[in-house]
Amino acid sequence: MGSTSVNRREVMKRAAAAGLLAVPAVGALSSCASGGGDENKAEKGEKSKKNPLGVKTDAGLTVYIFNGGYGDKYAQFVTDMYAKKYPKAKPDQKPTEKIATQVQPKLVRGKPTADVVNNSGADEMNIGKLVHNKQVAELVEVLDAPSWDDPNVTVRETLVPIVEEMGRFGGKACYQLNIALTVYGNWYSKKLLEQGLDSEYPKTWDAMLAVCKKAKAKGIHGWSYPGGHPRYMFFSMYAMFAQRGGRDVITAMDYLEPTAWKNDAVKDVFEAWEELVAKKYVLTGFDGTEAHTEMQTAWTKEGKCVFVPDGSWVENEAKDTTPKDFQMTVGATPSLDSGDKMPFGTLYAPAGEPFIVPAKAENRQGGLEWLRMMYSKEAALNLFKEVGSLPVVKGAIDGQKLPSGTASAKAAIEAAGDNIVIPKFFDWYNELFREDFNNMIHKFMQGQIGAKQAMDTMQKASDRILKDPDITKIKKV
């Protein structure tokens, strides 16, 4: 995952500024009341300086963690902190790859067994629907609480602002909190690129095509992607949409505007990739459920391709197959030409790994307390050590030695400055990403459809969601 280096505090300041500037005010959820679940009979204790959230010290706590690229050791560290402070609670952590399957049925019935949930992975729950149905708790209470490390500083003040911004679905209410800054982009081996291909990272699309041509001459594909999870291509394409046409282009996608996917900037990006596909620069396959790890192995261990679309968790996820001298690095999306509205270096870098607390959790205060502990410097530093990610807690990893991928992610955030872009429809209308984009981009990367069909498919999908009365829309204000 992403990260930091020499002057960590300065990097975090810049990341925080980027978060503030990159995330526009979120429109109100139509027909959506704030919060919910106050009528439930959650376990509560007495509030005090040592127990600011009023946790019932002997109430059990159940924590569900997505057991994916991060694993669950980082979370177990926090669960152990909880057990140390509240030994009678005997907290139980449950790692799983099937969050929605295991958590949502009971949550929907109003009888959740989970008190805090890492809502992530391919089987994550649709947070927009959970918010609309009042099934998740507002988290302002934990943000307003004294931080774990300093009672004179609130939890909110210890975090980069983008964390709270990304948890909002209208007004000031916050329903999910993320724990790490994720840097998406074009990941590659600096050793292969510079020594094997005698090339620099391509800052323009023409240069990208040239690198791919050189790689092909040596029997190496320029690109690959996981056929079983083709939506990974979004990680490389999204910033290009904004870079080409400006923030208005991606805002239109968020708000389901009638010509959002027909914009000339979107057309230019799809056509650029269409040319790359047509030149047979893409290694296809990897169609199973473990497609992402299979692709990563072909990239890291076997050296079959130069670039892959991925997020900064990949350094930890692929560590067992990555040679020590691989020099894993992330690059920002290349510029198409001088007509781009945003500069090279524009970056898709949100806060990632979302956590929620069910509105009717039996130990809701305990769930909030677990999150307060997660945002301690001790837990944030452990997160970095376990998975190499960039924590959202300011100054948590000052002075730490960074692995290659993490250092490059830190450098990318620093270079991007204010040019950070974040897709809101990713959370608001998750099916548009996980289903429609996923299905379309697989056919596109296989060369089965071209740019026009890709745009038509996505616009029709966007229009379908806009017209569906059963889907809660977020209105621009």
Protein backbone atom coordinates (compact mmCIF):
# COMPACT_ATOMS: atom_id res chain seq x y z
CA MET A 1 0.00 0.00 0.00
CA GLY A 2 0.91 3.56 -0.21
CA SER A 3 3.27 5.59 1.92
CA THR A 4 5.78 8.08 3.25
CA SER A 5 9.37 8.84 3.76
CA VAL A 6 11.95 11.35 4.75
CA ASN A 7 9.74 14.22 5.86
CA ARG A 8 6.60 12.35 6.73
CA ARG A 9 4.85 15.25 8.44
CA GLU A 10 5.15 17.45 5.37
CA VAL A 11 3.83 14.67 3.16
CA MET A 12 0.82 14.23 5.38
CA LYS A 13 0.14 17.95 5.32
CA ARG A 14 0.14 17.87 1.56
CA ALA A 15 -2.00 14.76 1.45
CA ALA A 16 -4.43 16.44 3.81
CA ALA A 17 -4.55 19.52 1.65
CA ALA A 18 -5.09 17.36 -1.38
CA GLY A 19 -7.94 15.65 0.38
CA LEU A 20 -9.60 18.94 1.20
CA LEU A 21 -9.27 20.32 -2.28
CA ALA A 22 -9.95 17.15 -4.20
CA VAL A 23 -13.25 16.20 -2.62
CA PRO A 24 -16.15 18.51 -3.54
CA ALA A 25 -19.03 19.08 -1.16
CA VAL A 26 -21.23 16.03 -1.38
CA GLY A 27 -24.85 16.52 -2.34
CA ALA A 28 -27.69 15.37 -0.14
CA LEU A 29 -28.95 11.83 -0.31
CA SER A 30 -32.45 12.20 -1.66
CA SER A 31 -35.08 10.75 0.64
CA CYS A 32 -32.43 9.80 3.15
CA ALA A 33 -32.64 10.60 6.82
CA SER A 34 -29.43 10.95 8.74
CA GLY A 35 -28.13 8.23 10.98
CA GLY A 36 -30.61 5.81 12.42
CA GLY A 37 -30.69 3.07 14.97
CA ASP A 38 -30.84 5.29 18.07
CA GLU A 39 -33.80 3.28 19.27
CA ASN A 40 -31.76 0.11 19.59
CA LYS A 41 -30.80 -1.20 22.98
CA ALA A 42 -27.05 -1.11 22.54
CA GLU A 43 -24.78 -1.96 25.43
CA LYS A 44 -23.59 1.25 27.12
CA GLY A 45 -21.44 2.07 30.11
CA GLU A 46 -20.59 5.16 32.10
CA LYS A 47 -18.60 7.87 30.35
CA SER A 48 -15.42 9.09 32.00
CA LYS A 49 -12.03 10.52 31.07
CA LYS A 50 -10.70 6.98 30.71
CA ASN A 51 -13.83 5.83 28.90
CA PRO A 52 -14.96 8.82 26.80
CA LEU A 53 -17.33 6.81 24.61
CA GLY A 54 -19.09 5.08 27.48
CA VAL A 55 -18.13 1.51 26.60
CA LYS A 56 -19.73 -1.21 28.71
CA THR A 57 -16.57 -2.90 29.89
CA ASP A 58 -17.91 -6.46 29.97
CA ALA A 59 -19.94 -6.32 26.76
CA GLY A 60 -18.72 -8.66 24.04
CA LEU A 61 -17.29 -7.24 20.81
CA THR A 62 -17.36 -8.86 17.36
CA VAL A 63 -15.11 -7.49 14.61
CA TYR A 64 -15.40 -8.58 10.96
CA ILE A 65 -12.30 -7.98 8.85
CA PHE A 66 -11.91 -8.44 5.10
CA ASN A 67 -9.11 -10.96 4.72
CA GLY A 68 -7.68 -9.70 1.45
CA GLY A 69 -4.55 -7.83 0.46
CA TYR A 70 -4.09 -6.45 3.97
CA GLY A 71 -4.74 -9.72 5.75
CA ASP A 72 -6.12 -9.30 9.26
CA LYS A 73 -3.04 -9.12 11.51
CA TYR A 74 -3.13 -5.31 11.51
CA ALA A 75 -6.69 -5.46 12.84
CA GLN A 76 -5.90 -8.18 15.37
CA PHE A 77 -3.38 -5.74 16.85
CA VAL A 78 -6.28 -3.37 17.59
CA THR A 79 -8.53 -6.15 18.82
CA ASP A 80 -5.76 -7.14 21.22
CA MET A 81 -5.55 -3.52 22.41
CA TYR A 82 -9.29 -3.67 23.09
CA ALA A 83 -8.91 -6.95 25.00
CA LYS A 84 -6.16 -5.44 27.11
CA LYS A 85 -8.28 -2.44 28.09
CA TYR A 86 -11.53 -4.41 28.45
CA PRO A 87 -10.48 -7.97 29.42
CA LYS A 88 -14.01 -9.00 30.38
CA ALA A 89 -15.26 -8.19 26.87
CA LYS A 90 -13.35 -11.09 25.26
CA PRO A 91 -13.47 -9.50 21.77
CA ASP A 92 -13.77 -11.86 18.81
CA GLN A 93 -12.24 -11.06 15.41
CA LYS A 94 -13.59 -12.86 12.35
CA PRO A 95 -11.52 -12.67 9.13
CA THR A 96 -13.45 -13.39 5.92
CA GLU A 97 -13.41 -12.77 2.18
CA LYS A 98 -17.23 -12.70 2.16
CA ILE A 99 -18.23 -9.58 4.07
CA ALA A 100 -21.69 -9.10 2.53
CA THR A 101 -22.49 -12.79 2.62
CA GLN A 102 -21.68 -13.12 6.31
CA VAL A 103 -22.71 -9.72 7.66
CA GLN A 104 -25.51 -8.24 5.57
CA PRO A 105 -28.41 -10.69 6.12
CA LYS A 106 -28.45 -10.13 9.88
CA LEU A 107 -27.76 -6.43 9.48
CA VAL A 108 -30.78 -6.07 7.16
CA ARG A 109 -32.98 -7.90 9.69
CA GLY A 110 -31.91 -5.40 12.33
CA LYS A 111 -30.07 -8.00 14.38
CA PRO A 112 -26.41 -7.64 13.41
CA THR A 113 -23.87 -9.84 15.16
CA ALA A 114 -21.05 -7.51 14.07
CA ASP A 115 -20.10 -4.45 16.10
CA VAL A 116 -17.54 -3.08 13.64
CA VAL A 117 -17.02 -4.14 10.02
CA ASN A 118 -14.19 -3.69 7.52
CA ASN A 119 -16.53 -3.34 4.52
CA SER A 120 -14.11 -4.13 1.73
CA GLY A 121 -13.33 -6.62 -1.03
CA ALA A 122 -15.24 -8.05 -3.97
CA ASP A 123 -18.11 -9.01 -1.65
CA GLU A 124 -18.42 -5.67 0.11
CA MET A 125 -21.82 -4.24 1.04
CA ASN A 126 -23.21 -1.28 -0.87
CA ILE A 127 -22.61 1.57 1.58
CA GLY A 128 -25.03 3.90 -0.20
CA LYS A 129 -27.89 1.46 0.35
CA LEU A 130 -26.88 0.88 3.95
CA VAL A 131 -26.93 4.62 4.62
CA HIS A 132 -30.29 5.07 2.89
CA ASN A 133 -31.80 2.23 4.90
CA LYS A 134 -30.40 3.63 8.18
CA GLN A 135 -28.47 0.43 8.80
CA VAL A 136 -25.14 2.06 9.66
CA ALA A 137 -24.38 4.37 12.56
CA GLU A 138 -23.18 7.94 12.26
CA LEU A 139 -19.56 8.11 13.32
CA VAL A 140 -19.31 11.73 14.40
CA GLU A 141 -19.17 10.53 18.02
CA VAL A 142 -15.82 8.83 17.50
CA LEU A 143 -14.49 11.77 15.47
CA ASP A 144 -15.43 14.17 18.26
CA ALA A 145 -13.97 11.91 20.96
CA PRO A 146 -10.58 12.53 22.57
CA SER A 147 -7.86 10.79 20.58
CA TRP A 148 -6.19 7.72 22.01
CA ASP A 149 -2.81 9.44 22.25
CA ASP A 150 -3.80 12.90 23.49
CA PRO A 151 -7.08 13.67 25.31
CA ASN A 152 -6.71 17.33 24.38
CA VAL A 153 -6.87 16.51 20.67
CA THR A 154 -9.94 14.97 19.02
CA VAL A 155 -9.75 11.93 16.78
CA ARG A 156 -10.81 14.16 13.89
CA GLU A 157 -7.82 16.43 14.42
CA THR A 158 -5.40 13.51 14.14
CA LEU A 159 -6.66 12.45 10.70
CA VAL A 160 -6.16 13.82 7.20
CA PRO A 161 -9.45 15.59 6.32
CA ILE A 162 -10.15 13.38 3.34
CA VAL A 163 -11.17 10.60 5.75
CA GLU A 164 -14.26 12.40 7.01
CA GLU A 165 -15.06 13.83 3.58
CA MET A 166 -15.17 10.37 2.02
CA GLY A 167 -17.56 9.12 4.70
CA ARG A 168 -20.22 11.72 3.98
CA PHE A 169 -23.38 11.11 1.99
CA GLY A 170 -25.02 14.49 2.42
CA GLY A 171 -24.76 17.10 5.14
CA LYS A 172 -22.20 16.65 7.90
CA ALA A 173 -23.08 13.09 8.88
CA CYS A 174 -20.25 10.59 8.44
CA TYR A 175 -21.04 6.91 8.01
CA GLN A 176 -17.76 5.22 7.16
CA LEU A 177 -14.14 5.78 8.08
CA ASN A 178 -11.08 4.67 6.14
CA ILE A 179 -7.69 3.80 7.57
CA ALA A 180 -5.12 4.15 4.78
CA LEU A 181 -4.33 6.33 1.80
CA THR A 182 -4.44 4.20 -1.33
CA VAL A 183 -2.54 5.18 -4.45
CA TYR A 184 -3.91 3.76 -7.69
CA GLY A 185 -2.05 3.87 -10.96
CA ASN A 186 0.35 2.06 -13.26
CA TRP A 187 2.58 -0.25 -11.22
CA TYR A 188 5.84 -1.53 -12.65
CA SER A 189 9.33 -2.86 -11.92
CA LYS A 190 11.78 0.01 -12.09
CA LYS A 191 14.56 -2.50 -12.68
CA LEU A 192 12.81 -4.03 -15.69
CA LEU A 193 11.86 -0.68 -17.14
CA GLU A 194 15.21 1.05 -16.73
CA GLN A 195 17.67 -1.82 -17.01
CA GLY A 196 15.76 -4.39 -19.04
CA LEU A 197 14.19 -1.96 -21.49
CA ASP A 198 16.56 0.98 -21.15
CA SER A 199 13.57 3.30 -20.76
CA GLU A 200 12.23 5.94 -18.41
CA TYR A 201 8.68 5.97 -17.10
CA PRO A 202 6.47 7.25 -19.96
CA LYS A 203 4.94 10.63 -19.21
CA THR A 204 3.03 10.76 -22.51
CA TRP A 205 0.84 8.20 -24.26
CA ASP A 206 3.14 8.13 -27.28
CA ALA A 207 5.99 7.28 -24.93
CA MET A 208 3.84 4.55 -23.36
CA LEU A 209 3.23 2.99 -26.75
CA ALA A 210 6.95 3.20 -27.51
CA VAL A 211 7.84 1.36 -24.28
CA CYS A 212 5.24 -1.32 -25.05
CA LYS A 213 6.67 -1.75 -28.56
CA LYS A 214 10.18 -2.16 -27.16
CA ALA A 215 8.92 -4.69 -24.61
CA LYS A 216 7.08 -6.68 -27.29
CA ALA A 217 10.30 -6.95 -29.29
CA LYS A 218 11.80 -8.71 -26.26
CA GLY A 219 8.87 -11.05 -25.80
CA ILE A 220 7.32 -9.09 -22.94
CA HIS A 221 3.80 -7.68 -22.90
CA GLY A 222 3.49 -3.99 -22.10
CA TRP A 223 0.41 -4.53 -19.95
CA SER A 224 -1.74 -7.06 -18.20
CA TYR A 225 -4.87 -7.00 -16.04
CA PRO A 226 -6.82 -9.63 -14.07
CA GLY A 227 -9.44 -11.04 -16.42
CA GLY A 228 -11.43 -12.32 -13.47
CA HIS A 229 -11.54 -8.81 -12.02
CA PRO A 230 -11.26 -6.56 -15.10
CA ARG A 231 -12.49 -3.54 -13.17
CA TYR A 232 -8.86 -3.13 -12.07
CA MET A 233 -8.41 -1.24 -15.35
CA PHE A 234 -10.36 1.58 -13.71
CA PHE A 235 -7.37 2.11 -11.42
CA SER A 236 -5.32 3.24 -14.41
CA MET A 237 -8.04 4.86 -16.55
CA TYR A 238 -9.92 6.99 -14.02
CA ALA A 239 -7.30 9.68 -13.50
CA MET A 240 -6.89 9.86 -17.28
CA PHE A 241 -10.53 10.92 -17.66
CA ALA A 242 -9.93 13.84 -15.29
CA GLN A 243 -6.50 14.61 -16.67
CA ARG A 244 -7.88 14.84 -20.18
CA GLY A 245 -11.06 16.80 -19.56
CA GLY A 246 -10.81 18.31 -16.08
CA ARG A 247 -12.77 17.68 -12.90
CA ASP A 248 -16.11 18.43 -14.60
CA VAL A 249 -15.80 15.18 -16.53
CA ILE A 250 -15.59 12.97 -13.46
CA THR A 251 -18.16 15.04 -11.54
CA ALA A 252 -20.63 14.34 -14.34
CA MET A 253 -20.00 10.61 -13.86
CA ASP A 254 -20.67 10.90 -10.13
CA TYR A 255 -23.98 12.66 -10.62
CA LEU A 256 -25.19 10.39 -13.46
CA GLU A 257 -25.43 13.26 -15.95
CA PRO A 258 -27.01 12.31 -19.31
CA THR A 259 -23.83 12.78 -21.37
CA ALA A 260 -21.22 11.95 -18.72
CA TRP A 261 -19.75 8.97 -20.57
CA LYS A 262 -20.13 10.61 -24.00
CA ASN A 263 -17.70 13.42 -23.24
CA ASP A 264 -14.90 13.93 -25.77
CA ALA A 265 -12.35 13.44 -23.01
CA VAL A 266 -13.77 9.99 -22.22
CA LYS A 267 -13.70 9.18 -25.93
CA ASP A 268 -10.04 10.21 -26.20
CA VAL A 269 -9.04 8.01 -23.27
CA PHE A 270 -10.89 4.96 -24.55
CA GLU A 271 -9.43 5.45 -28.03
CA ALA A 272 -5.91 5.65 -26.59
CA TRP A 273 -6.39 2.32 -24.83
CA GLU A 274 -8.11 0.86 -27.89
CA GLU A 275 -4.92 1.47 -29.87
CA LEU A 276 -2.81 -0.20 -27.18
CA VAL A 277 -5.11 -3.24 -27.21
CA ALA A 278 -5.13 -3.40 -31.01
CA LYS A 279 -1.33 -3.55 -31.06
CA LYS A 280 -1.48 -6.74 -28.95
CA TYR A 281 0.42 -5.17 -26.07
CA VAL A 282 -1.87 -6.69 -23.42
CA LEU A 283 -1.34 -10.07 -21.74
CA THR A 284 -4.83 -11.48 -21.24
CA GLY A 285 -6.14 -14.44 -19.28
CA PHE A 286 -6.16 -14.81 -15.49
CA ASP A 287 -9.90 -15.43 -15.49
CA GLY A 288 -10.37 -17.28 -12.20
CA THR A 289 -11.40 -16.07 -8.76
CA GLU A 290 -7.73 -15.51 -7.88
CA ALA A 291 -7.14 -13.58 -11.10
CA HIS A 292 -5.47 -10.65 -9.38
CA THR A 293 -2.85 -12.76 -7.63
CA GLU A 294 -2.25 -14.82 -10.77
CA MET A 295 -1.67 -11.64 -12.76
CA GLN A 296 0.60 -10.25 -10.06
CA THR A 297 2.69 -13.42 -10.10
CA ALA A 298 3.07 -13.23 -13.89
CA TRP A 299 4.20 -9.63 -13.42
CA THR A 300 6.51 -9.94 -10.40
CA LYS A 301 7.92 -13.48 -10.46
CA GLU A 302 7.74 -14.33 -14.16
CA GLY A 303 8.36 -10.90 -15.70
CA LYS A 304 5.75 -11.40 -18.40
CA CYS A 305 4.54 -7.78 -18.48
CA VAL A 306 5.77 -4.29 -17.66
CA PHE A 307 2.72 -2.47 -16.30
CA VAL A 308 -0.34 -3.53 -14.28
CA PRO A 309 -3.29 -1.50 -12.97
CA ASP A 310 -3.32 -1.79 -9.20
CA GLY A 311 -3.54 -0.09 -5.82
CA SER A 312 -0.82 0.38 -3.24
CA TRP A 313 -1.88 -2.72 -1.32
CA VAL A 314 -0.17 -4.72 -4.09
CA GLU A 315 3.27 -4.41 -2.50
CA ASN A 316 2.08 -6.39 0.50
CA GLU A 317 -0.23 -8.69 -1.42
CA ALA A 318 2.51 -9.71 -3.89
CA LYS A 319 5.43 -9.72 -1.46
CA ASP A 320 5.88 -13.51 -1.59
CA THR A 321 6.43 -13.46 -5.36
CA THR A 322 8.36 -10.21 -5.67
CA PRO A 323 12.16 -10.45 -6.14
CA LYS A 324 14.20 -8.35 -3.73
CA ASP A 325 15.60 -6.23 -6.56
CA PHE A 326 12.24 -5.76 -8.32
CA GLN A 327 11.97 -2.10 -7.26
CA MET A 328 8.16 -1.95 -7.30
CA THR A 329 7.02 1.52 -8.31
CA VAL A 330 3.77 3.33 -9.13
CA GLY A 331 3.50 5.83 -11.96
CA ALA A 332 0.81 8.41 -12.65
CA THR A 333 -1.21 8.15 -15.84
CA PRO A 334 0.57 9.49 -18.94
CA SER A 335 -0.69 12.66 -20.62
CA LEU A 336 -2.42 12.17 -23.96
CA ASP A 337 -1.11 15.42 -25.39
CA SER A 338 -0.92 19.18 -24.78
CA GLY A 339 -4.73 19.36 -24.84
CA ASP A 340 -5.03 17.78 -21.38
CA LYS A 341 -6.82 19.97 -18.83
CA MET A 342 -4.89 18.64 -15.82
CA PRO A 343 -1.13 18.00 -15.66
CA PHE A 344 0.84 14.80 -15.74
CA GLY A 345 0.96 13.53 -12.18
CA THR A 346 -2.80 13.81 -11.61
CA LEU A 347 -3.52 10.96 -9.21
CA TYR A 348 -6.37 8.74 -8.11
CA ALA A 349 -5.55 8.51 -4.40
CA PRO A 350 -8.44 8.15 -1.93
CA ALA A 351 -8.47 6.98 1.63
CA GLY A 352 -9.12 3.25 1.54
CA GLU A 353 -10.17 0.24 3.61
CA PRO A 354 -13.55 1.48 4.91
CA PHE A 355 -14.98 0.62 8.31
CA ILE A 356 -18.58 0.90 9.47
CA VAL A 357 -20.49 0.30 12.70
CA PRO A 358 -23.98 -1.21 12.30
CA ALA A 359 -26.68 1.16 13.57
CA LYS A 360 -28.17 -1.61 15.71
CA ALA A 361 -24.93 -3.23 16.79
CA GLU A 362 -25.28 -4.85 20.22
CA ASN A 363 -22.09 -3.10 21.32
CA ARG A 364 -22.09 0.03 19.20
CA GLN A 365 -20.01 2.00 21.69
CA GLY A 366 -17.47 -0.80 21.64
CA GLY A 367 -17.34 -0.60 17.86
CA LEU A 368 -16.67 3.13 18.07
CA GLU A 369 -13.99 2.53 20.68
CA TRP A 370 -12.31 -0.03 18.43
CA LEU A 371 -12.11 2.63 15.72
CA ARG A 372 -10.69 5.14 18.20
CA MET A 373 -7.95 2.63 18.96
CA MET A 374 -7.38 2.00 15.25
CA TYR A 375 -6.58 5.71 14.91
CA SER A 376 -3.93 5.62 17.61
CA LYS A 377 -0.36 6.24 16.45
CA GLU A 378 0.57 2.82 17.80
CA ALA A 379 -2.02 1.02 15.67
CA ALA A 380 -1.33 3.23 12.64
CA LEU A 381 2.39 2.47 12.84
CA ASN A 382 1.60 -1.22 13.15
CA LEU A 383 -0.63 -0.98 10.06
CA PHE A 384 2.33 0.43 8.15
CA LYS A 385 4.67 -2.28 9.41
CA GLU A 386 2.22 -5.07 8.62
CA VAL A 387 1.08 -4.02 5.15
CA GLY A 388 3.31 -1.11 4.13
CA SER A 389 0.38 1.26 3.67
CA LEU A 390 0.29 4.98 4.30
CA PRO A 391 -1.87 5.54 7.43
CA VAL A 392 -4.34 8.41 7.59
CA VAL A 393 -3.12 9.30 11.08
CA LYS A 394 -0.89 12.35 10.85
CA GLY A 395 2.74 11.78 11.73
CA ALA A 396 2.22 8.10 12.57
CA ILE A 397 5.20 6.86 10.60
CA ASP A 398 7.64 9.75 10.81
CA GLY A 399 11.19 8.54 10.37
CA GLN A 400 10.31 5.04 9.15
CA LYS A 401 12.28 3.35 6.37
CA LEU A 402 9.98 2.77 3.42
CA PRO A 403 9.90 -0.11 0.94
CA SER A 404 10.13 0.77 -2.74
CA GLY A 405 6.43 0.75 -3.61
CA THR A 406 5.46 2.70 -0.53
CA ALA A 407 8.15 5.29 -1.16
CA SER A 408 6.97 5.72 -4.74
CA ALA A 409 3.35 6.10 -3.60
CA LYS A 410 4.45 8.80 -1.17
CA ALA A 411 6.35 10.55 -3.95
CA ALA A 412 3.32 10.33 -6.25
CA ILE A 413 1.06 11.97 -3.64
CA GLU A 414 3.63 14.67 -3.06
CA ALA A 415 4.03 15.32 -6.79
CA ALA A 416 0.26 15.43 -7.37
CA GLY A 417 -0.27 18.21 -4.85
CA ASP A 418 -3.82 19.45 -5.37
CA ASN A 419 -4.35 17.24 -8.43
CA ILE A 420 -5.90 14.32 -6.56
CA VAL A 421 -9.13 12.89 -7.97
CA ILE A 422 -11.61 10.53 -6.31
CA PRO A 423 -14.64 8.77 -7.86
CA LYS A 424 -17.74 9.22 -5.75
CA PHE A 425 -19.95 6.91 -7.82
CA PHE A 426 -17.58 4.13 -6.75
CA ASP A 427 -19.37 4.20 -3.37
CA TRP A 428 -22.64 5.88 -4.27
CA TYR A 429 -23.63 3.48 -7.06
CA ASN A 430 -21.30 0.57 -6.56
CA GLU A 431 -22.97 -1.64 -9.15
CA LEU A 432 -21.99 0.89 -11.83
CA PHE A 433 -18.37 0.06 -11.03
CA ARG A 434 -18.47 -3.57 -9.94
CA GLU A 435 -20.97 -4.80 -12.51
CA ASP A 436 -21.38 -2.48 -15.49
CA PHE A 437 -17.82 -1.17 -15.78
CA ASN A 438 -16.47 -4.61 -14.89
CA ASN A 439 -18.38 -6.36 -17.69
CA MET A 440 -17.75 -3.64 -20.26
CA ILE A 441 -14.02 -3.25 -19.68
CA HIS A 442 -13.37 -6.98 -19.98
CA LYS A 443 -14.84 -7.02 -23.49
CA PHE A 444 -12.97 -3.81 -24.30
CA MET A 445 -9.59 -5.13 -23.17
CA GLN A 446 -10.20 -8.32 -25.14
CA GLY A 447 -10.74 -6.23 -28.26
CA GLN A 448 -14.34 -7.41 -28.56
CA ILE A 449 -15.77 -3.87 -28.44
CA GLY A 450 -14.32 -0.48 -29.27
CA ALA A 451 -14.39 2.99 -27.72
CA LYS A 452 -17.87 3.91 -28.97
CA GLN A 453 -19.47 0.74 -27.65
CA ALA A 454 -17.68 1.16 -24.34
CA MET A 455 -19.01 4.69 -23.96
CA ASP A 456 -22.53 3.69 -25.03
CA THR A 457 -22.55 0.80 -22.58
CA MET A 458 -21.52 2.96 -19.65
CA GLN A 459 -23.91 5.79 -20.51
CA LYS A 460 -26.82 3.36 -20.75
CA ALA A 461 -25.83 1.88 -17.39
CA SER A 462 -25.63 5.35 -15.84
CA ASP A 463 -29.03 6.28 -17.29
CA ARG A 464 -30.54 3.03 -15.99
CA ILE A 465 -29.43 3.81 -12.44
CA LEU A 466 -30.67 7.40 -12.74
CA LYS A 467 -34.14 6.23 -13.78
CA ASP A 468 -34.41 3.39 -11.25
CA PRO A 469 -36.83 4.55 -8.52
CA ASP A 470 -35.50 1.95 -6.11
CA ILE A 471 -31.99 3.40 -6.10
CA THR A 472 -31.39 6.40 -3.88
CA LYS A 473 -29.75 9.24 -5.80
CA ILE A 474 -27.30 11.78 -4.51
CA LYS A 475 -28.17 15.25 -5.71
CA LYS A 476 -25.69 17.96 -6.59
CA VAL A 477 -26.08 21.04 -4.38
